[in-house]
Amino acid sequence: MPIYEYEHTEGSKICPERFEVNRPIKAPPLTVCPVCKKPVHKLFGSVYMPKHLKKVNVREATNNGFTVLKKSSKGEYEVHKPDRGI
């Protein structure tokens, strides 16, 4: 289940200003805090994206059953075959 972050729209003496909740994706957003019953709104956070991505090793990908595509100079995609090392 994803973690959603909420913020109280009015101050709460019981709860912190912001809190996180595990909720199913299809569940509607909360409108009140489950603890103090004060109004809340959902915050939009960032998605984790790693900064350093490993380059695709074509030979390793094909050995594991993947098909690697490469864009040609004509703008079409072709199956990319690994170079044969001698």
PDB file of N, CA and C in Angstrom:
ATOM      1  N   MET A   1       0.843  -1.185   0.000  1.00  0.00           N
ATOM      2  CA  MET A   1       0.000   0.000   0.000  1.00  0.00           C
ATOM      3  C   MET A   1       0.882   1.241   0.000  1.00  0.00           C
ATOM      4  N   PRO A   2       0.491   2.245  -0.770  1.00  0.00           N
ATOM      5  CA  PRO A   2       1.271   3.476  -0.792  1.00  0.00           C
ATOM      6  C   PRO A   2       1.096   4.282   0.494  1.00  0.00           C
ATOM      7  N   ILE A   3       2.065   5.131   0.749  1.00  0.00           N
ATOM      8  CA  ILE A   3       2.021   6.021   1.913  1.00  0.00           C
ATOM      9  C   ILE A   3       1.609   7.402   1.424  1.00  0.00           C
ATOM     10  N   TYR A   4       0.563   7.954   2.015  1.00  0.00           N
ATOM     11  CA  TYR A   4       0.084   9.290   1.666  1.00  0.00           C
ATOM     12  C   TYR A   4       0.358  10.236   2.825  1.00  0.00           C
ATOM     13  N   GLU A   5       0.688  11.475   2.491  1.00  0.00           N
ATOM     14  CA  GLU A   5       0.953  12.488   3.514  1.00  0.00           C
ATOM     15  C   GLU A   5      -0.214  13.468   3.543  1.00  0.00           C
ATOM     16  N   TYR A   6      -0.672  13.771   4.748  1.00  0.00           N
ATOM     17  CA  TYR A   6      -1.784  14.691   4.955  1.00  0.00           C
ATOM     18  C   TYR A   6      -1.350  15.819   5.876  1.00  0.00           C
ATOM     19  N   GLU A   7      -2.085  16.934   5.781  1.00  0.00           N
ATOM     20  CA  GLU A   7      -1.811  18.094   6.629  1.00  0.00           C
ATOM     21  C   GLU A   7      -3.140  18.608   7.184  1.00  0.00           C
ATOM     22  N   HIS A   8      -3.131  18.977   8.460  1.00  0.00           N
ATOM     23  CA  HIS A   8      -4.332  19.549   9.075  1.00  0.00           C
ATOM     24  C   HIS A   8      -4.585  20.936   8.490  1.00  0.00           C
ATOM     25  N   THR A   9      -5.841  21.224   8.154  1.00  0.00           N
ATOM     26  CA  THR A   9      -6.183  22.563   7.660  1.00  0.00           C
ATOM     27  C   THR A   9      -6.432  23.513   8.827  1.00  0.00           C
ATOM     28  N   GLU A  10      -6.781  22.958   9.967  1.00  0.00           N
ATOM     29  CA  GLU A  10      -6.913  23.732  11.209  1.00  0.00           C
ATOM     30  C   GLU A  10      -5.927  23.128  12.201  1.00  0.00           C
ATOM     31  N   GLY A  11      -5.485  23.890  13.141  1.00  0.00           N
ATOM     32  CA  GLY A  11      -4.551  23.366  14.136  1.00  0.00           C
ATOM     33  C   GLY A  11      -5.172  22.252  14.971  1.00  0.00           C
ATOM     34  N   SER A  12      -4.338  21.322  15.372  1.00  0.00           N
ATOM     35  CA  SER A  12      -4.789  20.230  16.237  1.00  0.00           C
ATOM     36  C   SER A  12      -3.907  20.210  17.471  1.00  0.00           C
ATOM     37  N   LYS A  13      -4.520  20.094  18.633  1.00  0.00           N
ATOM     38  CA  LYS A  13      -3.753  20.043  19.880  1.00  0.00           C
ATOM     39  C   LYS A  13      -3.239  18.637  20.154  1.00  0.00           C
ATOM     40  N   ILE A  14      -3.844  17.646  19.515  1.00  0.00           N
ATOM     41  CA  ILE A  14      -3.481  16.250  19.767  1.00  0.00           C
ATOM     42  C   ILE A  14      -2.451  15.741  18.765  1.00  0.00           C
ATOM     43  N   CYS A  15      -2.640  16.072  17.496  1.00  0.00           N
ATOM     44  CA  CYS A  15      -1.843  15.482  16.407  1.00  0.00           C
ATOM     45  C   CYS A  15      -0.792  16.455  15.872  1.00  0.00           C
ATOM     46  N   PRO A  16       0.259  15.906  15.244  1.00  0.00           N
ATOM     47  CA  PRO A  16       1.219  16.775  14.563  1.00  0.00           C
ATOM     48  C   PRO A  16       0.547  17.422  13.345  1.00  0.00           C
ATOM     49  N   GLU A  17       1.127  18.507  12.859  1.00  0.00           N
ATOM     50  CA  GLU A  17       0.545  19.234  11.727  1.00  0.00           C
ATOM     51  C   GLU A  17       0.433  18.339  10.489  1.00  0.00           C
ATOM     52  N   ARG A  18       1.497  17.561  10.217  1.00  0.00           N
ATOM     53  CA  ARG A  18       1.503  16.632   9.078  1.00  0.00           C
ATOM     54  C   ARG A  18       1.618  15.203   9.586  1.00  0.00           C
ATOM     55  N   PHE A  19       1.012  14.274   8.855  1.00  0.00           N
ATOM     56  CA  PHE A  19       1.119  12.862   9.220  1.00  0.00           C
ATOM     57  C   PHE A  19       1.029  12.007   7.963  1.00  0.00           C
ATOM     58  N   GLU A  20       1.493  10.765   8.071  1.00  0.00           N
ATOM     59  CA  GLU A  20       1.478   9.822   6.954  1.00  0.00           C
ATOM     60  C   GLU A  20       0.531   8.673   7.269  1.00  0.00           C
ATOM     61  N   VAL A  21      -0.116   8.166   6.219  1.00  0.00           N
ATOM     62  CA  VAL A  21      -1.069   7.074   6.374  1.00  0.00           C
ATOM     63  C   VAL A  21      -0.879   6.082   5.231  1.00  0.00           C
ATOM     64  N   ASN A  22      -0.854   4.783   5.552  1.00  0.00           N
ATOM     65  CA  ASN A  22      -0.874   3.733   4.524  1.00  0.00           C
ATOM     66  C   ASN A  22      -2.329   3.522   4.127  1.00  0.00           C
ATOM     67  N   ARG A  23      -2.613   3.689   2.831  1.00  0.00           N
ATOM     68  CA  ARG A  23      -3.987   3.509   2.352  1.00  0.00           C
ATOM     69  C   ARG A  23      -3.981   2.816   1.000  1.00  0.00           C
ATOM     70  N   PRO A  24      -5.014   2.041   0.709  1.00  0.00           N
ATOM     71  CA  PRO A  24      -5.114   1.431  -0.616  1.00  0.00           C
ATOM     72  C   PRO A  24      -5.219   2.512  -1.694  1.00  0.00           C
ATOM     73  N   ILE A  25      -4.726   2.203  -2.880  1.00  0.00           N
ATOM     74  CA  ILE A  25      -4.743   3.171  -3.979  1.00  0.00           C
ATOM     75  C   ILE A  25      -6.167   3.601  -4.316  1.00  0.00           C
ATOM     76  N   LYS A  26      -7.097   2.669  -4.292  1.00  0.00           N
ATOM     77  CA  LYS A  26      -8.476   2.974  -4.694  1.00  0.00           C
ATOM     78  C   LYS A  26      -9.295   3.651  -3.599  1.00  0.00           C
ATOM     79  N   ALA A  27      -8.758   3.767  -2.397  1.00  0.00           N
ATOM     80  CA  ALA A  27      -9.494   4.409  -1.301  1.00  0.00           C
ATOM     81  C   ALA A  27      -9.560   5.916  -1.542  1.00  0.00           C
ATOM     82  N   PRO A  28     -10.701   6.539  -1.254  1.00  0.00           N
ATOM     83  CA  PRO A  28     -10.791   7.994  -1.424  1.00  0.00           C
ATOM     84  C   PRO A  28      -9.896   8.704  -0.409  1.00  0.00           C
ATOM     85  N   PRO A  29      -9.439   9.922  -0.740  1.00  0.00           N
ATOM     86  CA  PRO A  29      -8.579  10.646   0.205  1.00  0.00           C
ATOM     87  C   PRO A  29      -9.322  10.965   1.503  1.00  0.00           C
ATOM     88  N   LEU A  30      -8.559  11.021   2.582  1.00  0.00           N
ATOM     89  CA  LEU A  30      -9.149  11.381   3.877  1.00  0.00           C
ATOM     90  C   LEU A  30      -9.596  12.835   3.847  1.00  0.00           C
ATOM     91  N   THR A  31     -10.669  13.143   4.544  1.00  0.00           N
ATOM     92  CA  THR A  31     -11.115  14.530   4.699  1.00  0.00           C
ATOM     93  C   THR A  31     -10.990  14.979   6.149  1.00  0.00           C
ATOM     94  N   VAL A  32     -10.944  13.997   7.068  1.00  0.00           N
ATOM     95  CA  VAL A  32     -10.753  14.306   8.489  1.00  0.00           C
ATOM     96  C   VAL A  32      -9.660  13.409   9.048  1.00  0.00           C
ATOM     97  N   CYS A  33      -8.969  13.891  10.057  1.00  0.00           N
ATOM     98  CA  CYS A  33      -7.913  13.128  10.715  1.00  0.00           C
ATOM     99  C   CYS A  33      -8.530  11.932  11.437  1.00  0.00           C
ATOM    100  N   PRO A  34      -7.948  10.735  11.279  1.00  0.00           N
ATOM    101  CA  PRO A  34      -8.511   9.562  11.952  1.00  0.00           C
ATOM    102  C   PRO A  34      -8.391   9.617  13.478  1.00  0.00           C
ATOM    103  N   VAL A  35      -7.517  10.483  14.007  1.00  0.00           N
ATOM    104  CA  VAL A  35      -7.323  10.558  15.460  1.00  0.00           C
ATOM    105  C   VAL A  35      -8.155  11.675  16.084  1.00  0.00           C
ATOM    106  N   CYS A  36      -7.962  12.919  15.597  1.00  0.00           N
ATOM    107  CA  CYS A  36      -8.617  14.065  16.245  1.00  0.00           C
ATOM    108  C   CYS A  36      -9.886  14.532  15.531  1.00  0.00           C
ATOM    109  N   LYS A  37     -10.173  13.964  14.358  1.00  0.00           N
ATOM    110  CA  LYS A  37     -11.373  14.280  13.567  1.00  0.00           C
ATOM    111  C   LYS A  37     -11.401  15.708  13.035  1.00  0.00           C
ATOM    112  N   LYS A  38     -10.247  16.400  13.003  1.00  0.00           N
ATOM    113  CA  LYS A  38     -10.160  17.746  12.421  1.00  0.00           C
ATOM    114  C   LYS A  38      -9.975  17.615  10.908  1.00  0.00           C
ATOM    115  N   PRO A  39     -10.358  18.641  10.111  1.00  0.00           N
ATOM    116  CA  PRO A  39     -10.215  18.563   8.655  1.00  0.00           C
ATOM    117  C   PRO A  39      -8.750  18.475   8.218  1.00  0.00           C
ATOM    118  N   VAL A  40      -8.515  17.677   7.182  1.00  0.00           N
ATOM    119  CA  VAL A  40      -7.170  17.514   6.616  1.00  0.00           C
ATOM    120  C   VAL A  40      -7.258  17.563   5.093  1.00  0.00           C
ATOM    121  N   HIS A  41      -6.105  17.801   4.453  1.00  0.00           N
ATOM    122  CA  HIS A  41      -6.022  17.678   2.996  1.00  0.00           C
ATOM    123  C   HIS A  41      -4.755  16.915   2.636  1.00  0.00           C
ATOM    124  N   LYS A  42      -4.841  16.233   1.502  1.00  0.00           N
ATOM    125  CA  LYS A  42      -3.735  15.391   1.043  1.00  0.00           C
ATOM    126  C   LYS A  42      -2.665  16.262   0.399  1.00  0.00           C
ATOM    127  N   LEU A  43      -1.398  15.962   0.726  1.00  0.00           N
ATOM    128  CA  LEU A  43      -0.269  16.670   0.133  1.00  0.00           C
ATOM    129  C   LEU A  43       0.275  15.853  -1.029  1.00  0.00           C
ATOM    130  N   PHE A  44       0.854  16.532  -1.994  1.00  0.00           N
ATOM    131  CA  PHE A  44       1.464  15.847  -3.128  1.00  0.00           C
ATOM    132  C   PHE A  44       2.963  15.874  -2.947  1.00  0.00           C
ATOM    133  N   GLY A  45       3.550  14.707  -2.801  1.00  0.00           N
ATOM    134  CA  GLY A  45       4.990  14.588  -2.599  1.00  0.00           C
ATOM    135  C   GLY A  45       5.682  14.182  -3.883  1.00  0.00           C
ATOM    136  N   SER A  46       6.975  14.068  -3.794  1.00  0.00           N
ATOM    137  CA  SER A  46       7.751  13.663  -4.961  1.00  0.00           C
ATOM    138  C   SER A  46       7.896  12.148  -4.989  1.00  0.00           C
ATOM    139  N   VAL A  47       8.187  11.641  -6.150  1.00  0.00           N
ATOM    140  CA  VAL A  47       8.407  10.212  -6.345  1.00  0.00           C
ATOM    141  C   VAL A  47       9.902   9.975  -6.336  1.00  0.00           C
ATOM    142  N   TYR A  48      10.347   8.902  -5.685  1.00  0.00           N
ATOM    143  CA  TYR A  48      11.771   8.592  -5.635  1.00  0.00           C
ATOM    144  C   TYR A  48      12.251   8.144  -7.007  1.00  0.00           C
ATOM    145  N   MET A  49      13.248   8.832  -7.516  1.00  0.00           N
ATOM    146  CA  MET A  49      13.883   8.463  -8.780  1.00  0.00           C
ATOM    147  C   MET A  49      15.385   8.429  -8.532  1.00  0.00           C
ATOM    148  N   PRO A  50      16.013   7.275  -8.712  1.00  0.00           N
ATOM    149  CA  PRO A  50      17.458   7.214  -8.495  1.00  0.00           C
ATOM    150  C   PRO A  50      18.191   8.113  -9.483  1.00  0.00           C
ATOM    151  N   LYS A  51      19.236   8.783  -8.998  1.00  0.00           N
ATOM    152  CA  LYS A  51      19.999   9.705  -9.847  1.00  0.00           C
ATOM    153  C   LYS A  51      20.963   8.966 -10.761  1.00  0.00           C
ATOM    154  N   HIS A  52      21.455   7.845 -10.319  1.00  0.00           N
ATOM    155  CA  HIS A  52      22.447   7.109 -11.098  1.00  0.00           C
ATOM    156  C   HIS A  52      21.820   5.822 -11.614  1.00  0.00           C
ATOM    157  N   LEU A  53      21.501   5.829 -12.879  1.00  0.00           N
ATOM    158  CA  LEU A  53      20.938   4.636 -13.484  1.00  0.00           C
ATOM    159  C   LEU A  53      22.023   3.899 -14.249  1.00  0.00           C
ATOM    160  N   LYS A  54      22.023   2.601 -14.116  1.00  0.00           N
ATOM    161  CA  LYS A  54      22.994   1.771 -14.795  1.00  0.00           C
ATOM    162  C   LYS A  54      22.624   1.677 -16.271  1.00  0.00           C
ATOM    163  N   LYS A  55      23.616   1.761 -17.163  1.00  0.00           N
ATOM    164  CA  LYS A  55      23.347   1.617 -18.585  1.00  0.00           C
ATOM    165  C   LYS A  55      22.877   0.200 -18.865  1.00  0.00           C
ATOM    166  N   VAL A  56      22.054   0.075 -19.887  1.00  0.00           N
ATOM    167  CA  VAL A  56      21.539  -1.240 -20.250  1.00  0.00           C
ATOM    168  C   VAL A  56      22.647  -2.059 -20.893  1.00  0.00           C
ATOM    169  N   ASN A  57      22.856  -3.239 -20.366  1.00  0.00           N
ATOM    170  CA  ASN A  57      23.795  -4.184 -20.946  1.00  0.00           C
ATOM    171  C   ASN A  57      22.965  -5.064 -21.879  1.00  0.00           C
ATOM    172  N   VAL A  58      23.118  -4.836 -23.196  1.00  0.00           N
ATOM    173  CA  VAL A  58      22.283  -5.512 -24.183  1.00  0.00           C
ATOM    174  C   VAL A  58      22.427  -7.023 -24.090  1.00  0.00           C
ATOM    175  N   ARG A  59      23.649  -7.507 -23.966  1.00  0.00           N
ATOM    176  CA  ARG A  59      23.880  -8.956 -23.904  1.00  0.00           C
ATOM    177  C   ARG A  59      23.186  -9.547 -22.664  1.00  0.00           C
ATOM    178  N   GLU A  60      23.328  -8.885 -21.524  1.00  0.00           N
ATOM    179  CA  GLU A  60      22.718  -9.377 -20.289  1.00  0.00           C
ATOM    180  C   GLU A  60      21.194  -9.350 -20.390  1.00  0.00           C
ATOM    181  N   ALA A  61      20.661  -8.290 -20.985  1.00  0.00           N
ATOM    182  CA  ALA A  61      19.208  -8.176 -21.130  1.00  0.00           C
ATOM    183  C   ALA A  61      18.656  -9.283 -22.022  1.00  0.00           C
ATOM    184  N   THR A  62      19.310  -9.531 -23.162  1.00  0.00           N
ATOM    185  CA  THR A  62      18.826 -10.581 -24.065  1.00  0.00           C
ATOM    186  C   THR A  62      18.992 -11.963 -23.445  1.00  0.00           C
ATOM    187  N   ASN A  63      20.064 -12.174 -22.687  1.00  0.00           N
ATOM    188  CA  ASN A  63      20.253 -13.460 -22.008  1.00  0.00           C
ATOM    189  C   ASN A  63      19.152 -13.726 -20.984  1.00  0.00           C
ATOM    190  N   ASN A  64      18.556 -12.650 -20.456  1.00  0.00           N
ATOM    191  CA  ASN A  64      17.485 -12.781 -19.466  1.00  0.00           C
ATOM    192  C   ASN A  64      16.096 -12.720 -20.099  1.00  0.00           C
ATOM    193  N   GLY A  65      16.038 -12.811 -21.434  1.00  0.00           N
ATOM    194  CA  GLY A  65      14.748 -12.896 -22.110  1.00  0.00           C
ATOM    195  C   GLY A  65      14.129 -11.584 -22.541  1.00  0.00           C
ATOM    196  N   PHE A  66      14.841 -10.470 -22.401  1.00  0.00           N
ATOM    197  CA  PHE A  66      14.302  -9.179 -22.811  1.00  0.00           C
ATOM    198  C   PHE A  66      14.659  -8.893 -24.262  1.00  0.00           C
ATOM    199  N   THR A  67      13.825  -8.124 -24.925  1.00  0.00           N
ATOM    200  CA  THR A  67      14.122  -7.642 -26.267  1.00  0.00           C
ATOM    201  C   THR A  67      14.499  -6.179 -26.140  1.00  0.00           C
ATOM    202  N   VAL A  68      15.673  -5.813 -26.614  1.00  0.00           N
ATOM    203  CA  VAL A  68      16.142  -4.431 -26.535  1.00  0.00           C
ATOM    204  C   VAL A  68      15.909  -3.784 -27.888  1.00  0.00           C
ATOM    205  N   LEU A  69      15.249  -2.626 -27.884  1.00  0.00           N
ATOM    206  CA  LEU A  69      14.980  -1.897 -29.116  1.00  0.00           C
ATOM    207  C   LEU A  69      15.899  -0.699 -29.219  1.00  0.00           C
ATOM    208  N   LYS A  70      16.258  -0.351 -30.454  1.00  0.00           N
ATOM    209  CA  LYS A  70      17.121   0.800 -30.702  1.00  0.00           C
ATOM    210  C   LYS A  70      16.462   1.639 -31.784  1.00  0.00           C
ATOM    211  N   LYS A  71      16.438   2.961 -31.591  1.00  0.00           N
ATOM    212  CA  LYS A  71      15.820   3.857 -32.562  1.00  0.00           C
ATOM    213  C   LYS A  71      16.788   4.079 -33.714  1.00  0.00           C
ATOM    214  N   SER A  72      16.321   3.834 -34.934  1.00  0.00           N
ATOM    215  CA  SER A  72      17.183   4.006 -36.111  1.00  0.00           C
ATOM    216  C   SER A  72      17.190   5.465 -36.544  1.00  0.00           C
ATOM    217  N   SER A  73      18.037   5.775 -37.517  1.00  0.00           N
ATOM    218  CA  SER A  73      18.122   7.149 -38.021  1.00  0.00           C
ATOM    219  C   SER A  73      16.829   7.563 -38.724  1.00  0.00           C
ATOM    220  N   LYS A  74      16.016   6.591 -39.133  1.00  0.00           N
ATOM    221  CA  LYS A  74      14.732   6.872 -39.785  1.00  0.00           C
ATOM    222  C   LYS A  74      13.628   7.145 -38.763  1.00  0.00           C
ATOM    223  N   GLY A  75      13.945   6.977 -37.489  1.00  0.00           N
ATOM    224  CA  GLY A  75      12.962   7.208 -36.434  1.00  0.00           C
ATOM    225  C   GLY A  75      12.146   5.979 -36.082  1.00  0.00           C
ATOM    226  N   GLU A  76      12.515   4.838 -36.655  1.00  0.00           N
ATOM    227  CA  GLU A  76      11.816   3.591 -36.373  1.00  0.00           C
ATOM    228  C   GLU A  76      12.623   2.775 -35.372  1.00  0.00           C
ATOM    229  N   TYR A  77      11.943   1.911 -34.643  1.00  0.00           N
ATOM    230  CA  TYR A  77      12.629   1.069 -33.662  1.00  0.00           C
ATOM    231  C   TYR A  77      12.939  -0.292 -34.268  1.00  0.00           C
ATOM    232  N   GLU A  78      14.149  -0.756 -34.016  1.00  0.00           N
ATOM    233  CA  GLU A  78      14.609  -2.053 -34.501  1.00  0.00           C
ATOM    234  C   GLU A  78      15.123  -2.852 -33.316  1.00  0.00           C
ATOM    235  N   VAL A  79      15.109  -4.174 -33.460  1.00  0.00           N
ATOM    236  CA  VAL A  79      15.664  -5.034 -32.415  1.00  0.00           C
ATOM    237  C   VAL A  79      17.172  -4.827 -32.395  1.00  0.00           C
ATOM    238  N   HIS A  80      17.693  -4.495 -31.220  1.00  0.00           N
ATOM    239  CA  HIS A  80      19.132  -4.255 -31.059  1.00  0.00           C
ATOM    240  C   HIS A  80      19.797  -5.557 -30.652  1.00  0.00           C
ATOM    241  N   LYS A  81      20.781  -5.971 -31.433  1.00  0.00           N
ATOM    242  CA  LYS A  81      21.491  -7.220 -31.138  1.00  0.00           C
ATOM    243  C   LYS A  81      22.841  -6.888 -30.523  1.00  0.00           C
ATOM    244  N   PRO A  82      23.251  -7.644 -29.509  1.00  0.00           N
ATOM    245  CA  PRO A  82      24.542  -7.360 -28.870  1.00  0.00           C
ATOM    246  C   PRO A  82      25.703  -7.598 -29.827  1.00  0.00           C
ATOM    247  N   ASP A  83      26.756  -6.797 -29.640  1.00  0.00           N
ATOM    248  CA  ASP A  83      27.979  -6.986 -30.427  1.00  0.00           C
ATOM    249  C   ASP A  83      28.597  -8.320 -30.065  1.00  0.00           C
ATOM    250  N   ARG A  84      29.162  -8.966 -31.044  1.00  0.00           N
ATOM    251  CA  ARG A  84      29.837 -10.241 -30.780  1.00  0.00           C
ATOM    252  C   ARG A  84      31.292  -9.975 -30.463  1.00  0.00           C
ATOM    253  N   GLY A  85      31.675 -10.280 -29.255  1.00  0.00           N
ATOM    254  CA  GLY A  85      33.075 -10.106 -28.848  1.00  0.00           C
ATOM    255  C   GLY A  85      33.919 -11.268 -29.325  1.00  0.00           C
ATOM    256  N   ILE A  86      35.159 -10.995 -29.688  1.00  0.00           N
ATOM    257  CA  ILE A  86      36.051 -12.064 -30.166  1.00  0.00           C
ATOM    258  C   ILE A  86      36.999 -12.436 -29.064  1.00  0.00           C
TER     259      ILE A  86
END
